[in-house]
């Protein structure tokens, strides 16, 4: 949520080694998987005041056994170009409703 328009919004998510990045399923088109950097990035030209940006990503978890109980970490970087405003709110949420999902 923001009070004024934001431009050049960039979102970068780092994918840990035990997650198979090539299997990603995205709900928002435009995400780019970079296998060498192990990141997924999105770029949004502008975000109008009050607009919400929702992105969902699902992956296959390739670790098995006891290591599967260790929750993977997904660092996320969000930035934008704004001369008179900034992000007023940012929420990250994990959905564990899928019975095959792994808590993160």
C-alpha atoms as a PDB file:
ATOM      1  CA  UNK A   1       0.000   0.000   0.000  1.00  0.00           C
ATOM      2  CA  UNK A   2       1.339   3.456  -0.831  1.00  0.00           C
ATOM      3  CA  UNK A   3       0.117   7.050  -0.712  1.00  0.00           C
ATOM      4  CA  UNK A   4       1.587   8.217  -4.044  1.00  0.00           C
ATOM      5  CA  UNK A   5       2.618   6.481  -7.264  1.00  0.00           C
ATOM      6  CA  UNK A   6       5.715   4.299  -7.174  1.00  0.00           C
ATOM      7  CA  UNK A   7       7.644   3.509 -10.340  1.00  0.00           C
ATOM      8  CA  UNK A   8      10.168   0.883 -11.360  1.00  0.00           C
ATOM      9  CA  UNK A   9       9.147  -1.523  -8.600  1.00  0.00           C
ATOM     10  CA  UNK A  10      11.580  -4.440  -8.448  1.00  0.00           C
ATOM     11  CA  UNK A  11      11.182  -7.607  -6.395  1.00  0.00           C
ATOM     12  CA  UNK A  12      13.994 -10.113  -6.049  1.00  0.00           C
ATOM     13  CA  UNK A  13      13.633 -13.457  -4.247  1.00  0.00           C
ATOM     14  CA  UNK A  14      16.662 -15.646  -3.520  1.00  0.00           C
ATOM     15  CA  UNK A  15      15.984 -19.384  -3.824  1.00  0.00           C
ATOM     16  CA  UNK A  16      17.887 -21.732  -1.466  1.00  0.00           C
ATOM     17  CA  UNK A  17      19.847 -24.708  -2.887  1.00  0.00           C
ATOM     18  CA  UNK A  18      17.420 -27.334  -1.564  1.00  0.00           C
ATOM     19  CA  UNK A  19      14.571 -25.825  -3.593  1.00  0.00           C
ATOM     20  CA  UNK A  20      14.281 -26.771  -7.253  1.00  0.00           C
ATOM     21  CA  UNK A  21      13.948 -23.314  -8.822  1.00  0.00           C
ATOM     22  CA  UNK A  22      13.188 -24.647 -12.288  1.00  0.00           C
ATOM     23  CA  UNK A  23       9.875 -26.042 -10.981  1.00  0.00           C
ATOM     24  CA  UNK A  24       8.525 -22.662  -9.904  1.00  0.00           C
ATOM     25  CA  UNK A  25       4.846 -21.966 -10.530  1.00  0.00           C
ATOM     26  CA  UNK A  26       3.977 -18.273 -10.463  1.00  0.00           C
ATOM     27  CA  UNK A  27       0.564 -16.650 -10.178  1.00  0.00           C
ATOM     28  CA  UNK A  28       1.826 -13.404 -11.701  1.00  0.00           C
ATOM     29  CA  UNK A  29       3.394 -13.416 -15.150  1.00  0.00           C
ATOM     30  CA  UNK A  30       6.690 -11.669 -15.666  1.00  0.00           C
ATOM     31  CA  UNK A  31       8.784 -13.459 -13.063  1.00  0.00           C
ATOM     32  CA  UNK A  32      12.224 -14.366 -14.413  1.00  0.00           C
ATOM     33  CA  UNK A  33      14.164 -17.359 -13.042  1.00  0.00           C
ATOM     34  CA  UNK A  34      17.962 -16.909 -13.120  1.00  0.00           C
ATOM     35  CA  UNK A  35      19.516 -20.356 -12.571  1.00  0.00           C
ATOM     36  CA  UNK A  36      23.058 -19.024 -12.152  1.00  0.00           C
ATOM     37  CA  UNK A  37      22.098 -16.507  -9.434  1.00  0.00           C
ATOM     38  CA  UNK A  38      19.282 -18.729  -8.065  1.00  0.00           C
ATOM     39  CA  UNK A  39      16.861 -15.805  -8.010  1.00  0.00           C
ATOM     40  CA  UNK A  40      13.432 -14.941  -9.318  1.00  0.00           C
ATOM     41  CA  UNK A  41      12.844 -11.298 -10.179  1.00  0.00           C
ATOM     42  CA  UNK A  42       9.784  -9.289 -11.102  1.00  0.00           C
ATOM     43  CA  UNK A  43       9.602  -5.784 -12.482  1.00  0.00           C
ATOM     44  CA  UNK A  44       6.512  -3.579 -12.348  1.00  0.00           C
ATOM     45  CA  UNK A  45       6.500  -0.272 -14.226  1.00  0.00           C
ATOM     46  CA  UNK A  46       4.265   1.557 -11.758  1.00  0.00           C
ATOM     47  CA  UNK A  47       2.116   1.033  -8.707  1.00  0.00           C
ATOM     48  CA  UNK A  48      -0.696   3.554  -8.235  1.00  0.00           C
ATOM     49  CA  UNK A  49      -1.737   4.841  -4.796  1.00  0.00           C
ATOM     50  CA  UNK A  50      -3.611   2.163  -2.883  1.00  0.00           C
ATOM     51  CA  UNK A  51      -2.836  -0.580  -5.421  1.00  0.00           C
ATOM     52  CA  UNK A  52      -1.760  -3.957  -4.132  1.00  0.00           C
ATOM     53  CA  UNK A  53       0.802  -6.200  -5.741  1.00  0.00           C
ATOM     54  CA  UNK A  54       0.405  -9.893  -4.986  1.00  0.00           C
ATOM     55  CA  UNK A  55       2.865 -12.544  -6.104  1.00  0.00           C
ATOM     56  CA  UNK A  56       2.690 -16.234  -5.280  1.00  0.00           C
ATOM     57  CA  UNK A  57       5.401 -18.780  -5.988  1.00  0.00           C
ATOM     58  CA  UNK A  58       5.352 -22.558  -5.466  1.00  0.00           C
ATOM     59  CA  UNK A  59       8.410 -24.804  -5.715  1.00  0.00           C
ATOM     60  CA  UNK A  60       9.410 -28.436  -5.390  1.00  0.00           C
ATOM     61  CA  UNK A  61      11.472 -29.171  -2.297  1.00  0.00           C
ATOM     62  CA  UNK A  62      14.288 -31.589  -3.214  1.00  0.00           C
ATOM     63  CA  UNK A  63      15.579 -32.391   0.292  1.00  0.00           C
ATOM     64  CA  UNK A  64      14.339 -35.554   1.972  1.00  0.00           C
ATOM     65  CA  UNK A  65      14.594 -37.258   5.349  1.00  0.00           C
ATOM     66  CA  UNK A  66      15.528 -35.298   8.449  1.00  0.00           C
ATOM     67  CA  UNK A  67      16.750 -32.327   6.399  1.00  0.00           C
ATOM     68  CA  UNK A  68      13.142 -31.806   5.248  1.00  0.00           C
ATOM     69  CA  UNK A  69      12.275 -30.611   8.762  1.00  0.00           C
ATOM     70  CA  UNK A  70      14.610 -27.630   8.374  1.00  0.00           C
ATOM     71  CA  UNK A  71      12.677 -24.694   6.962  1.00  0.00           C
ATOM     72  CA  UNK A  72      14.267 -23.087   3.881  1.00  0.00           C
ATOM     73  CA  UNK A  73      14.812 -19.315   3.876  1.00  0.00           C
ATOM     74  CA  UNK A  74      13.703 -17.086   0.994  1.00  0.00           C
ATOM     75  CA  UNK A  75      15.296 -13.630   1.335  1.00  0.00           C
ATOM     76  CA  UNK A  76      13.273 -10.988  -0.515  1.00  0.00           C
ATOM     77  CA  UNK A  77      14.456  -7.564  -1.678  1.00  0.00           C
ATOM     78  CA  UNK A  78      11.908  -4.939  -2.766  1.00  0.00           C
ATOM     79  CA  UNK A  79      12.860  -1.558  -4.143  1.00  0.00           C
ATOM     80  CA  UNK A  80      11.286   1.237  -6.154  1.00  0.00           C
ATOM     81  CA  UNK A  81      11.952   4.610  -7.715  1.00  0.00           C
ATOM     82  CA  UNK A  82       9.884   7.315  -6.055  1.00  0.00           C
ATOM     83  CA  UNK A  83      10.643  10.990  -5.680  1.00  0.00           C
ATOM     84  CA  UNK A  84       7.943  11.891  -3.183  1.00  0.00           C
ATOM     85  CA  UNK A  85       6.911   8.657  -1.501  1.00  0.00           C
ATOM     86  CA  UNK A  86       7.967   5.242  -0.347  1.00  0.00           C
ATOM     87  CA  UNK A  87       6.342   1.928   0.482  1.00  0.00           C
ATOM     88  CA  UNK A  88       3.937   2.566   3.322  1.00  0.00           C
ATOM     89  CA  UNK A  89       3.307  -1.116   4.012  1.00  0.00           C
ATOM     90  CA  UNK A  90       4.805  -4.412   2.939  1.00  0.00           C
ATOM     91  CA  UNK A  91       3.458  -7.783   4.002  1.00  0.00           C
ATOM     92  CA  UNK A  92       4.989 -11.189   3.303  1.00  0.00           C
ATOM     93  CA  UNK A  93       2.832 -14.221   3.995  1.00  0.00           C
ATOM     94  CA  UNK A  94       3.423 -17.954   3.821  1.00  0.00           C
ATOM     95  CA  UNK A  95       0.492 -20.137   2.804  1.00  0.00           C
ATOM     96  CA  UNK A  96       0.634 -23.622   4.285  1.00  0.00           C
ATOM     97  CA  UNK A  97      -2.822 -24.705   3.087  1.00  0.00           C
ATOM     98  CA  UNK A  98      -1.385 -27.190   0.579  1.00  0.00           C
ATOM     99  CA  UNK A  99      -0.980 -30.527   2.433  1.00  0.00           C
ATOM    100  CA  UNK A 100       2.282 -31.120   0.535  1.00  0.00           C
ATOM    101  CA  UNK A 101       3.736 -27.735   1.415  1.00  0.00           C
ATOM    102  CA  UNK A 102       6.690 -27.281   3.718  1.00  0.00           C
ATOM    103  CA  UNK A 103       6.670 -24.485   6.326  1.00  0.00           C
ATOM    104  CA  UNK A 104       9.127 -21.701   5.499  1.00  0.00           C
END
